[in-house]
């Protein structure tokens, strides 16, 4: 899965961003469990998921701030 840039994320609606953040949160949790049990083969996945979720949350906060 290719990470989206902040510019691409700004084109999404608030609901799409919220669902994307939830999806990434679930993937991150799953990857953490796999790491704890020794099943995670790609340790860079954790970093990528963390950063992509932070990127989504940043854009979401920007949208929420702009709507007030």
N, C-alpha and C. Protein backbone atom coordinates (compact mmCIF):
# COMPACT_ATOMS: atom_id res chain seq x y z
N UNK A 1 0.83 -1.17 0.00
CA UNK A 1 0.00 0.00 0.00
C UNK A 1 0.88 1.24 0.00
N UNK A 2 0.65 2.13 -0.94
CA UNK A 2 1.44 3.35 -1.06
C UNK A 2 0.89 4.40 -0.11
N UNK A 3 1.77 5.05 0.62
CA UNK A 3 1.35 6.10 1.55
C UNK A 3 0.88 7.31 0.77
N UNK A 4 -0.19 7.93 1.27
CA UNK A 4 -0.70 9.13 0.62
C UNK A 4 0.02 10.35 1.18
N UNK A 5 0.20 11.33 0.33
CA UNK A 5 0.81 12.57 0.79
C UNK A 5 -0.26 13.43 1.46
N UNK A 6 0.18 14.43 2.21
CA UNK A 6 -0.75 15.33 2.87
C UNK A 6 -1.61 16.04 1.83
N UNK A 7 -1.04 16.36 0.69
CA UNK A 7 -1.79 17.04 -0.38
C UNK A 7 -2.94 16.15 -0.86
N UNK A 8 -2.68 14.86 -1.02
CA UNK A 8 -3.74 13.93 -1.45
C UNK A 8 -4.79 13.77 -0.36
N UNK A 9 -4.35 13.76 0.89
CA UNK A 9 -5.28 13.58 2.00
C UNK A 9 -6.20 14.79 2.16
N UNK A 10 -5.73 15.97 1.82
CA UNK A 10 -6.56 17.17 1.95
C UNK A 10 -7.75 17.15 1.01
N UNK A 11 -7.71 16.32 -0.02
CA UNK A 11 -8.83 16.20 -0.95
C UNK A 11 -9.94 15.31 -0.42
N UNK A 12 -9.67 14.56 0.65
CA UNK A 12 -10.67 13.65 1.22
C UNK A 12 -11.62 14.41 2.15
N UNK A 13 -12.81 13.85 2.35
CA UNK A 13 -13.77 14.46 3.27
C UNK A 13 -13.41 14.10 4.70
N UNK A 14 -14.07 14.76 5.63
CA UNK A 14 -13.81 14.50 7.05
C UNK A 14 -14.14 13.05 7.41
N UNK A 15 -15.24 12.53 6.90
CA UNK A 15 -15.63 11.15 7.18
C UNK A 15 -14.62 10.16 6.62
N UNK A 16 -14.12 10.44 5.43
CA UNK A 16 -13.12 9.56 4.82
C UNK A 16 -11.83 9.57 5.63
N UNK A 17 -11.45 10.74 6.13
CA UNK A 17 -10.24 10.84 6.95
C UNK A 17 -10.41 10.08 8.26
N UNK A 18 -11.59 10.20 8.87
CA UNK A 18 -11.84 9.49 10.12
C UNK A 18 -11.79 7.98 9.92
N UNK A 19 -12.38 7.51 8.84
CA UNK A 19 -12.34 6.06 8.58
C UNK A 19 -10.93 5.60 8.25
N UNK A 20 -10.16 6.43 7.53
CA UNK A 20 -8.76 6.10 7.21
C UNK A 20 -7.93 6.02 8.48
N UNK A 21 -8.16 6.97 9.42
CA UNK A 21 -7.42 6.96 10.68
C UNK A 21 -7.76 5.71 11.50
N UNK A 22 -9.02 5.33 11.51
CA UNK A 22 -9.43 4.13 12.24
C UNK A 22 -8.82 2.88 11.60
N UNK A 23 -8.82 2.84 10.29
CA UNK A 23 -8.24 1.70 9.56
C UNK A 23 -6.74 1.57 9.87
N UNK A 24 -6.04 2.69 9.82
CA UNK A 24 -4.61 2.68 10.11
C UNK A 24 -4.34 2.32 11.57
N UNK A 25 -5.21 2.77 12.46
CA UNK A 25 -5.07 2.42 13.87
C UNK A 25 -5.18 0.91 14.07
N UNK A 26 -6.13 0.30 13.37
CA UNK A 26 -6.28 -1.16 13.46
C UNK A 26 -5.08 -1.89 12.89
N UNK A 27 -4.57 -1.40 11.78
CA UNK A 27 -3.38 -2.01 11.18
C UNK A 27 -2.17 -1.87 12.11
N UNK A 28 -2.05 -0.70 12.73
CA UNK A 28 -0.94 -0.45 13.64
C UNK A 28 -1.02 -1.38 14.85
N UNK A 29 -2.22 -1.54 15.39
CA UNK A 29 -2.39 -2.43 16.54
C UNK A 29 -2.03 -3.86 16.16
N UNK A 30 -2.49 -4.29 14.99
CA UNK A 30 -2.19 -5.64 14.52
C UNK A 30 -0.69 -5.84 14.34
N UNK A 31 -0.02 -4.83 13.78
CA UNK A 31 1.43 -4.93 13.58
C UNK A 31 2.17 -4.98 14.91
N UNK A 32 1.68 -4.24 15.89
CA UNK A 32 2.31 -4.27 17.22
C UNK A 32 2.17 -5.63 17.88
N UNK A 33 1.00 -6.25 17.71
CA UNK A 33 0.79 -7.58 18.26
C UNK A 33 1.72 -8.58 17.58
N UNK A 34 1.84 -8.47 16.25
CA UNK A 34 2.73 -9.37 15.52
C UNK A 34 4.18 -9.18 15.95
N UNK A 35 4.58 -7.94 16.21
CA UNK A 35 5.94 -7.69 16.65
C UNK A 35 6.19 -8.31 18.02
N UNK A 36 5.21 -8.19 18.90
CA UNK A 36 5.35 -8.73 20.25
C UNK A 36 5.44 -10.26 20.24
N UNK A 37 4.78 -10.88 19.27
CA UNK A 37 4.81 -12.34 19.19
C UNK A 37 5.91 -12.86 18.27
N UNK A 38 6.66 -11.93 17.67
CA UNK A 38 7.77 -12.33 16.82
C UNK A 38 7.38 -12.72 15.41
N UNK A 39 6.17 -12.37 14.98
CA UNK A 39 5.70 -12.74 13.65
C UNK A 39 5.87 -11.64 12.63
N UNK A 40 6.24 -10.44 13.06
CA UNK A 40 6.38 -9.32 12.14
C UNK A 40 7.71 -9.43 11.40
N UNK A 41 7.63 -9.52 10.07
CA UNK A 41 8.83 -9.67 9.26
C UNK A 41 9.44 -8.33 8.87
N UNK A 42 8.59 -7.31 8.72
CA UNK A 42 9.06 -6.02 8.25
C UNK A 42 8.88 -4.99 9.38
N UNK A 43 9.95 -4.73 10.12
CA UNK A 43 9.87 -3.80 11.24
C UNK A 43 9.62 -2.36 10.80
N UNK A 44 9.95 -2.02 9.58
CA UNK A 44 9.71 -0.67 9.07
C UNK A 44 8.22 -0.39 8.92
N UNK A 45 7.41 -1.43 8.89
CA UNK A 45 5.97 -1.27 8.77
C UNK A 45 5.41 -0.45 9.92
N UNK A 46 5.91 -0.68 11.13
CA UNK A 46 5.43 0.08 12.29
C UNK A 46 5.66 1.57 12.10
N UNK A 47 6.83 1.93 11.66
CA UNK A 47 7.17 3.34 11.46
C UNK A 47 6.29 3.96 10.37
N UNK A 48 6.11 3.23 9.28
CA UNK A 48 5.30 3.75 8.18
C UNK A 48 3.86 3.97 8.62
N UNK A 49 3.29 2.99 9.34
CA UNK A 49 1.91 3.12 9.80
C UNK A 49 1.74 4.26 10.79
N UNK A 50 2.70 4.39 11.69
CA UNK A 50 2.64 5.48 12.68
C UNK A 50 2.67 6.84 12.00
N UNK A 51 3.55 6.98 11.04
CA UNK A 51 3.69 8.27 10.35
C UNK A 51 2.47 8.57 9.46
N UNK A 52 1.97 7.55 8.79
CA UNK A 52 0.82 7.79 7.92
C UNK A 52 -0.41 8.15 8.75
N UNK A 53 -0.59 7.48 9.89
CA UNK A 53 -1.72 7.82 10.77
C UNK A 53 -1.58 9.24 11.31
N UNK A 54 -0.37 9.63 11.68
CA UNK A 54 -0.14 10.99 12.16
C UNK A 54 -0.44 12.00 11.06
N UNK A 55 -0.08 11.67 9.83
CA UNK A 55 -0.36 12.56 8.70
C UNK A 55 -1.87 12.73 8.51
N UNK A 56 -2.61 11.63 8.61
CA UNK A 56 -4.07 11.68 8.48
C UNK A 56 -4.67 12.52 9.61
N UNK A 57 -4.21 12.29 10.83
CA UNK A 57 -4.74 13.02 11.97
C UNK A 57 -4.43 14.51 11.87
N UNK A 58 -3.27 14.87 11.35
CA UNK A 58 -2.91 16.28 11.17
C UNK A 58 -3.86 16.95 10.19
N UNK A 59 -4.11 16.32 9.06
CA UNK A 59 -5.01 16.89 8.06
C UNK A 59 -6.43 16.97 8.62
N UNK A 60 -6.84 15.97 9.39
CA UNK A 60 -8.17 15.98 9.99
C UNK A 60 -8.30 17.14 10.96
N UNK A 61 -7.29 17.39 11.77
CA UNK A 61 -7.32 18.52 12.71
C UNK A 61 -7.34 19.85 11.96
N UNK A 62 -6.64 19.92 10.85
CA UNK A 62 -6.68 21.14 10.04
C UNK A 62 -8.10 21.40 9.55
N UNK A 63 -8.78 20.35 9.09
CA UNK A 63 -10.14 20.50 8.60
C UNK A 63 -11.09 20.89 9.72
N UNK A 64 -10.93 20.30 10.89
CA UNK A 64 -11.80 20.62 12.02
C UNK A 64 -11.58 22.06 12.47
N UNK A 65 -10.35 22.50 12.45
CA UNK A 65 -10.04 23.88 12.84
C UNK A 65 -10.60 24.88 11.84
N UNK A 66 -10.60 24.52 10.58
CA UNK A 66 -11.08 25.41 9.53
C UNK A 66 -12.60 25.51 9.55
N UNK A 67 -13.28 24.49 10.05
CA UNK A 67 -14.74 24.48 10.04
C UNK A 67 -15.33 25.25 11.21
N UNK A 68 -14.52 25.62 12.18
CA UNK A 68 -15.05 26.33 13.36
C UNK A 68 -15.09 27.80 13.14
